[in-house]
Protein backbone atom coordinates (compact mmCIF):
# COMPACT_ATOMS: atom_id res chain seq x y z
CA PRO A 1 0.57 -18.49 17.26
CA GLY A 2 -1.89 -15.74 17.38
CA PRO A 3 -3.53 -13.79 14.68
CA GLY A 4 -1.11 -12.17 12.34
CA THR A 5 1.90 -14.30 13.40
CA VAL A 6 4.19 -16.48 11.31
CA PRO A 7 5.12 -19.88 12.92
CA ARG A 8 8.84 -20.59 13.55
CA GLU A 9 9.07 -23.45 11.12
CA PRO A 10 8.63 -21.50 8.01
CA LEU A 11 11.13 -18.91 9.09
CA GLY A 12 13.73 -21.65 9.43
CA SER A 13 13.04 -23.38 6.16
CA LEU A 14 12.65 -20.35 3.71
CA PRO A 15 16.07 -19.40 2.26
CA SER A 16 17.08 -15.83 1.45
CA ARG A 17 18.86 -15.09 -1.85
CA LEU A 18 22.01 -15.63 0.07
CA GLY A 19 20.87 -19.18 0.83
CA ARG A 20 20.45 -18.52 4.63
CA SER A 21 17.19 -18.82 6.59
CA PHE A 22 15.53 -16.03 8.28
CA LEU A 23 16.80 -17.41 11.60
CA GLU A 24 20.45 -18.06 10.74
CA PRO A 25 21.72 -14.51 10.78
CA GLY A 26 20.32 -13.98 14.34
CA ALA A 27 22.31 -16.79 15.83
CA ALA A 28 25.56 -14.77 15.79
CA HIS A 29 23.73 -12.28 17.97
CA GLY A 30 22.30 -14.57 20.41
CA VAL A 31 18.89 -15.21 18.79
CA ALA A 32 17.79 -18.76 19.69
CA PRO A 33 15.07 -20.14 17.48
CA GLY A 34 13.98 -22.43 20.31
CA ARG A 35 13.19 -19.43 22.57
CA LEU A 36 11.02 -17.43 20.15
CA ASP A 37 7.70 -18.73 21.39
CA GLY A 38 8.36 -17.80 24.88
CA ALA A 39 9.45 -14.27 23.95
CA ALA A 40 6.09 -13.43 22.39
CA ARG A 41 3.75 -11.27 24.49
CA ALA A 42 0.54 -11.23 22.51
CA ALA A 43 -3.10 -11.54 23.83
CA GLU A 44 -5.32 -14.08 22.12
CA GLY A 45 -8.64 -13.15 20.27
CA GLY A 46 -7.80 -10.00 18.38
CA THR A 47 -5.29 -7.45 17.04
CA ASP A 48 -5.63 -4.81 19.78
CA TRP A 49 -3.31 -6.78 22.11
CA LEU A 50 -1.63 -3.51 23.28
CA SER A 51 -4.87 -2.33 24.97
CA ARG A 52 -5.02 -5.66 26.89
CA LEU A 53 -1.69 -5.39 28.58
CA ASP A 54 -1.53 -4.83 32.38
CA PRO A 55 0.30 -1.49 32.72
CA SER A 56 1.51 -2.50 36.33
CA ARG A 57 3.58 -5.44 34.93
CA TYR A 58 5.68 -3.26 32.47
CA LEU A 59 7.99 -0.18 32.72
CA GLY A 60 7.41 0.56 28.95
CA LEU A 61 7.36 -0.89 25.54
CA VAL A 62 10.00 -0.95 22.74
CA GLU A 63 8.99 -0.96 19.20
CA VAL A 64 11.86 -2.55 17.19
CA HIS A 65 12.31 -1.70 13.46
CA ALA A 66 14.75 -2.84 10.97
CA GLU A 67 16.31 0.23 9.38
CA GLN A 68 15.25 0.75 5.76
CA GLY A 69 18.13 3.03 4.78
CA LEU A 70 21.99 2.72 5.26
CA GLY A 71 22.46 5.26 8.00
CA LEU A 72 23.37 2.50 10.62
CA TRP A 73 25.64 0.63 8.08
CA ASP A 74 27.36 3.76 7.01
CA SER A 75 28.16 4.87 10.58
CA GLN A 76 29.06 1.29 11.46
CA GLN A 77 26.51 1.33 14.41
CA GLN A 78 24.46 -1.70 15.36
CA VAL A 79 21.50 0.11 17.02
CA ALA A 80 20.24 3.54 17.41
CA ALA A 81 17.18 5.15 18.93
CA VAL A 82 14.60 7.15 16.77
CA GLU A 83 14.64 10.85 18.01
CA ARG A 84 12.10 12.21 15.48
CA ILE A 85 9.61 10.94 12.98
CA ASN A 86 9.08 12.35 9.57
CA GLY A 87 5.91 14.04 8.46
CA ARG A 88 4.74 13.55 4.94
CA ARG A 89 3.05 15.39 2.22
CA GLN A 90 2.29 13.59 -1.07
CA PHE A 91 1.36 15.25 -4.43
CA GLU A 92 0.31 14.28 -7.83
CA ILE A 93 1.25 16.81 -10.47
CA THR A 94 0.00 16.77 -14.11
CA VAL A 95 1.94 18.77 -16.64
CA THR A 96 0.07 19.58 -19.84
CA GLY A 97 1.78 20.44 -23.02
CA GLN A 98 0.94 19.87 -26.78
CA ALA A 99 1.37 16.44 -28.45
CA ASN A 100 2.84 16.73 -31.87
CA HIS A 101 4.80 14.78 -34.57
CA ALA A 102 8.47 14.62 -33.65
CA GLY A 103 9.70 14.87 -37.23
CA SER A 104 7.74 17.83 -38.44
CA THR A 105 7.83 20.01 -35.16
CA GLY A 106 11.04 22.01 -34.70
CA MET A 107 12.76 22.18 -31.32
CA VAL A 108 12.01 25.84 -30.82
CA GLY A 109 8.45 26.35 -29.42
CA ARG A 110 7.70 22.77 -28.66
CA ARG A 111 5.45 22.30 -25.55
CA ASP A 112 6.89 18.96 -24.40
CA ALA A 113 5.29 17.78 -20.99
CA LEU A 114 7.76 15.27 -20.51
CA ALA A 115 10.79 17.79 -20.89
CA GLY A 116 8.98 20.04 -18.34
CA ALA A 117 8.30 17.16 -16.00
CA ALA A 118 11.92 16.09 -16.15
CA GLY A 119 12.96 19.65 -15.47
CA LEU A 120 10.71 19.58 -12.37
CA VAL A 121 12.22 16.20 -11.18
CA VAL A 122 15.59 17.60 -11.31
CA ALA A 123 14.80 20.80 -9.58
CA LEU A 124 13.01 18.87 -6.89
CA GLU A 125 15.99 16.49 -6.46
CA GLU A 126 18.36 19.59 -6.07
CA ARG A 127 16.01 21.20 -3.43
CA GLY A 128 15.98 17.90 -1.55
CA LYS A 129 19.86 18.00 -1.31
CA LEU A 130 19.89 21.37 0.42
CA PRO A 131 20.60 21.42 4.22
CA GLY A 132 17.29 20.97 6.15
CA ARG A 133 18.12 23.66 8.76
CA GLY A 134 19.76 21.28 11.19
CA LEU A 135 17.27 18.52 10.45
CA ALA A 136 18.84 15.18 9.36
CA HIS A 137 16.65 13.84 6.75
CA PRO A 138 14.24 16.04 4.72
CA VAL A 139 13.70 14.04 1.55
CA LEU A 140 11.93 14.48 -1.81
CA THR A 141 11.17 11.62 -4.11
CA VAL A 142 9.53 11.40 -7.35
CA GLY A 143 8.30 7.64 -7.48
CA SER A 144 6.31 7.56 -10.64
CA LEU A 145 6.07 9.22 -14.04
CA GLU A 146 3.53 8.51 -16.58
CA VAL A 147 3.55 10.01 -20.06
CA THR A 148 0.86 10.31 -22.69
CA PRO A 149 0.93 9.79 -25.59
CA SER A 150 4.09 7.88 -25.49
CA PRO A 151 4.99 6.52 -28.99
CA VAL A 152 8.71 7.16 -29.80
CA ASN A 153 7.78 9.64 -32.56
CA VAL A 154 5.34 11.78 -30.56
CA ILE A 155 6.06 14.76 -28.45
CA PRO A 156 4.43 13.86 -25.09
CA GLY A 157 1.26 16.19 -24.41
CA HIS A 158 0.84 15.04 -20.76
CA ALA A 159 3.10 14.00 -17.89
CA ARG A 160 1.86 12.91 -14.47
CA LEU A 161 4.31 12.43 -11.70
CA SER A 162 4.04 11.64 -7.99
CA VAL A 163 6.01 13.54 -5.28
CA ASP A 164 6.60 12.22 -1.84
CA PHE A 165 8.14 14.99 0.60
CA ARG A 166 9.04 14.12 4.13
CA ALA A 167 10.68 16.07 6.87
CA GLN A 168 10.80 16.20 10.76
CA ASP A 169 9.39 19.69 11.14
CA GLN A 170 5.85 20.94 10.35
CA GLY A 171 7.31 24.39 9.30
CA LEU A 172 9.68 22.79 6.92
CA LEU A 173 6.80 20.52 5.42
CA GLU A 174 4.83 23.71 4.85
CA ARG A 175 7.76 25.59 3.18
CA GLY A 176 8.50 22.59 1.17
CA GLU A 177 4.95 22.24 -0.16
CA GLU A 178 5.14 26.02 -1.16
CA GLU A 179 8.40 25.46 -2.83
CA ILE A 180 7.14 22.40 -4.68
CA ARG A 181 4.09 24.37 -6.00
CA ARG A 182 6.37 27.37 -6.91
CA LEU A 183 8.83 25.28 -8.88
CA ALA A 184 6.10 23.40 -10.75
CA GLY A 185 4.51 26.83 -11.80
CA GLU A 186 7.81 28.43 -12.62
CA ILE A 187 8.76 25.56 -14.99
CA ALA A 188 5.40 25.51 -16.49
CA VAL A 189 5.52 29.27 -17.45
CA ARG A 190 8.95 29.12 -18.74
CA ARG A 191 8.20 26.14 -21.02
CA GLY A 192 4.57 27.21 -22.01
CA LEU A 193 2.95 24.41 -20.05
CA GLU A 194 0.11 23.92 -17.73
CA PRO A 195 0.75 22.41 -14.28
CA ALA A 196 -2.14 21.00 -12.27
């Protein structure tokens, strides 16, 4: 095997959580483990094998990906062609409020950074569910949320969250970024917080 490849033997001996090897599920679809080595088309001596291919020998290349979502499964399709690729914008938003004692601080007038961040997370999720103007998959994801201080009896003074926004259109990416910034500012003003 060349650099960056995995020999066939480990693939046949490592069981999945279902107790099947990596090679077993493919057998029902015509994958023959003994023919894997002959199917490889990699040049030796480096990772830029694509630049070493002789273009006169090929009509084109197909890059195969396993789907990471459930689109094919839900539509009961076995294979599909990618028509568009999502662009991505990522943000880190810090919400600053005022840490205070939970027992001695009334509910009115609190500047709870976590409550503000939670409001932003829900607002972003709602915006992500709006139709993408004919585009299949604009998505918004908050993947991490860090709160400080975080004892059970302290109102959080800071909350930091990550936002991953993806869409298949540059204009939608730009409008989405404006919307994310607008929502963060609007929620901060309403709750007496500071977004950054």
